[in-house]
Amino acid sequence: SIDERGVGELIKIATERGRMQKKSLKLGICGEHGGDPASIEFCEKAKLNYVSCSPYRVPIARLAAAQAYLKKKK
């Protein structure tokens, strides 16, 4: 999982600064974090646009993304 207090803060800073320059900037993560449910929830909170993962992790990633989205809606 992404270390939200370390790397996560850097991701948030980069996301904010990047979108100050270009509002339509698309951002995401790839690799093992892209298929990790906790990292996917973080990505939803950090307002990233996508995650990319290996094919065998796609079902887990889709479920985790849906759960993170619904959790945000509460």
C-alpha atoms as a PDB file:
ATOM      1  CA  SER A   1       0.000   0.000   0.000  1.00  0.00           C
ATOM      2  CA  ILE A   2       1.025   3.586  -0.555  1.00  0.00           C
ATOM      3  CA  ASP A   3       2.505   5.312   2.484  1.00  0.00           C
ATOM      4  CA  GLU A   4      -0.102   8.075   2.687  1.00  0.00           C
ATOM      5  CA  ARG A   5       1.894  10.264   5.076  1.00  0.00           C
ATOM      6  CA  GLY A   6       5.063  10.146   2.962  1.00  0.00           C
ATOM      7  CA  VAL A   7       4.697   9.284  -0.703  1.00  0.00           C
ATOM      8  CA  GLY A   8       0.969  10.031  -0.523  1.00  0.00           C
ATOM      9  CA  GLU A   9       1.626  13.633   0.478  1.00  0.00           C
ATOM     10  CA  LEU A  10       4.042  14.002  -2.430  1.00  0.00           C
ATOM     11  CA  ILE A  11       1.393  12.631  -4.798  1.00  0.00           C
ATOM     12  CA  LYS A  12      -1.170  15.112  -3.459  1.00  0.00           C
ATOM     13  CA  ILE A  13       1.254  18.027  -3.843  1.00  0.00           C
ATOM     14  CA  ALA A  14       2.165  16.990  -7.399  1.00  0.00           C
ATOM     15  CA  THR A  15      -1.516  16.559  -8.279  1.00  0.00           C
ATOM     16  CA  GLU A  16      -2.461  19.995  -6.960  1.00  0.00           C
ATOM     17  CA  ARG A  17       0.470  21.770  -8.611  1.00  0.00           C
ATOM     18  CA  GLY A  18       0.019  19.964 -11.906  1.00  0.00           C
ATOM     19  CA  ARG A  19      -3.661  20.830 -12.079  1.00  0.00           C
ATOM     20  CA  MET A  20      -2.946  24.469 -11.234  1.00  0.00           C
ATOM     21  CA  GLN A  21      -1.044  24.586 -14.527  1.00  0.00           C
ATOM     22  CA  LYS A  22      -3.429  22.414 -16.548  1.00  0.00           C
ATOM     23  CA  LYS A  23      -6.908  21.742 -15.150  1.00  0.00           C
ATOM     24  CA  SER A  24      -7.554  18.827 -17.536  1.00  0.00           C
ATOM     25  CA  LEU A  25      -4.352  16.995 -16.518  1.00  0.00           C
ATOM     26  CA  LYS A  26      -4.975  13.224 -16.258  1.00  0.00           C
ATOM     27  CA  LEU A  27      -3.056  11.505 -13.469  1.00  0.00           C
ATOM     28  CA  GLY A  28      -2.855   7.949 -12.197  1.00  0.00           C
ATOM     29  CA  ILE A  29      -0.649   5.179 -10.889  1.00  0.00           C
ATOM     30  CA  CYS A  30       0.483   1.890 -12.348  1.00  0.00           C
ATOM     31  CA  GLY A  31       2.134  -1.300 -11.222  1.00  0.00           C
ATOM     32  CA  GLU A  32       1.431  -3.246  -8.052  1.00  0.00           C
ATOM     33  CA  HIS A  33      -0.127  -0.236  -6.320  1.00  0.00           C
ATOM     34  CA  GLY A  34      -2.659  -0.052  -9.133  1.00  0.00           C
ATOM     35  CA  GLY A  35      -4.130  -3.359  -7.986  1.00  0.00           C
ATOM     36  CA  ASP A  36      -3.929  -2.791  -4.233  1.00  0.00           C
ATOM     37  CA  PRO A  37      -7.325  -1.954  -2.659  1.00  0.00           C
ATOM     38  CA  ALA A  38      -5.874   0.415  -0.034  1.00  0.00           C
ATOM     39  CA  SER A  39      -3.830   2.249  -2.666  1.00  0.00           C
ATOM     40  CA  ILE A  40      -6.876   2.499  -4.925  1.00  0.00           C
ATOM     41  CA  GLU A  41      -8.867   4.066  -2.085  1.00  0.00           C
ATOM     42  CA  PHE A  42      -6.048   6.567  -1.599  1.00  0.00           C
ATOM     43  CA  CYS A  43      -6.108   7.377  -5.330  1.00  0.00           C
ATOM     44  CA  GLU A  44      -9.819   8.152  -5.110  1.00  0.00           C
ATOM     45  CA  LYS A  45      -9.197  10.492  -2.167  1.00  0.00           C
ATOM     46  CA  ALA A  46      -6.261  12.124  -3.964  1.00  0.00           C
ATOM     47  CA  LYS A  47      -8.464  12.669  -7.043  1.00  0.00           C
ATOM     48  CA  LEU A  48      -6.332  10.655  -9.434  1.00  0.00           C
ATOM     49  CA  ASN A  49      -8.050   9.704 -12.684  1.00  0.00           C
ATOM     50  CA  TYR A  50      -6.991   6.102 -13.122  1.00  0.00           C
ATOM     51  CA  VAL A  51      -5.049   3.116 -11.878  1.00  0.00           C
ATOM     52  CA  SER A  52      -3.310   0.577 -14.077  1.00  0.00           C
ATOM     53  CA  CYS A  53      -2.420  -2.934 -12.960  1.00  0.00           C
ATOM     54  CA  SER A  54      -1.508  -6.378 -14.223  1.00  0.00           C
ATOM     55  CA  PRO A  55      -4.343  -8.350 -15.847  1.00  0.00           C
ATOM     56  CA  TYR A  56      -4.784 -10.797 -12.986  1.00  0.00           C
ATOM     57  CA  ARG A  57      -5.418  -7.896 -10.572  1.00  0.00           C
ATOM     58  CA  VAL A  58      -8.086  -6.198 -12.714  1.00  0.00           C
ATOM     59  CA  PRO A  59     -11.108  -7.817 -10.974  1.00  0.00           C
ATOM     60  CA  ILE A  60      -9.807  -6.797  -7.540  1.00  0.00           C
ATOM     61  CA  ALA A  61      -8.938  -3.313  -8.784  1.00  0.00           C
ATOM     62  CA  ARG A  62     -12.396  -2.784 -10.298  1.00  0.00           C
ATOM     63  CA  LEU A  63     -14.112  -3.873  -7.089  1.00  0.00           C
ATOM     64  CA  ALA A  64     -11.824  -1.716  -4.937  1.00  0.00           C
ATOM     65  CA  ALA A  65     -12.386   1.311  -7.194  1.00  0.00           C
ATOM     66  CA  ALA A  66     -16.164   0.894  -6.970  1.00  0.00           C
ATOM     67  CA  GLN A  67     -15.996   0.535  -3.185  1.00  0.00           C
ATOM     68  CA  ALA A  68     -13.789   3.625  -2.836  1.00  0.00           C
ATOM     69  CA  TYR A  69     -16.162   5.636  -5.026  1.00  0.00           C
ATOM     70  CA  LEU A  70     -19.210   4.562  -3.023  1.00  0.00           C
ATOM     71  CA  LYS A  71     -17.407   5.238   0.263  1.00  0.00           C
ATOM     72  CA  LYS A  72     -16.679   8.779  -0.938  1.00  0.00           C
ATOM     73  CA  LYS A  73     -20.363   9.327  -1.766  1.00  0.00           C
ATOM     74  CA  LYS A  74     -21.468   8.656   1.846  1.00  0.00           C
END
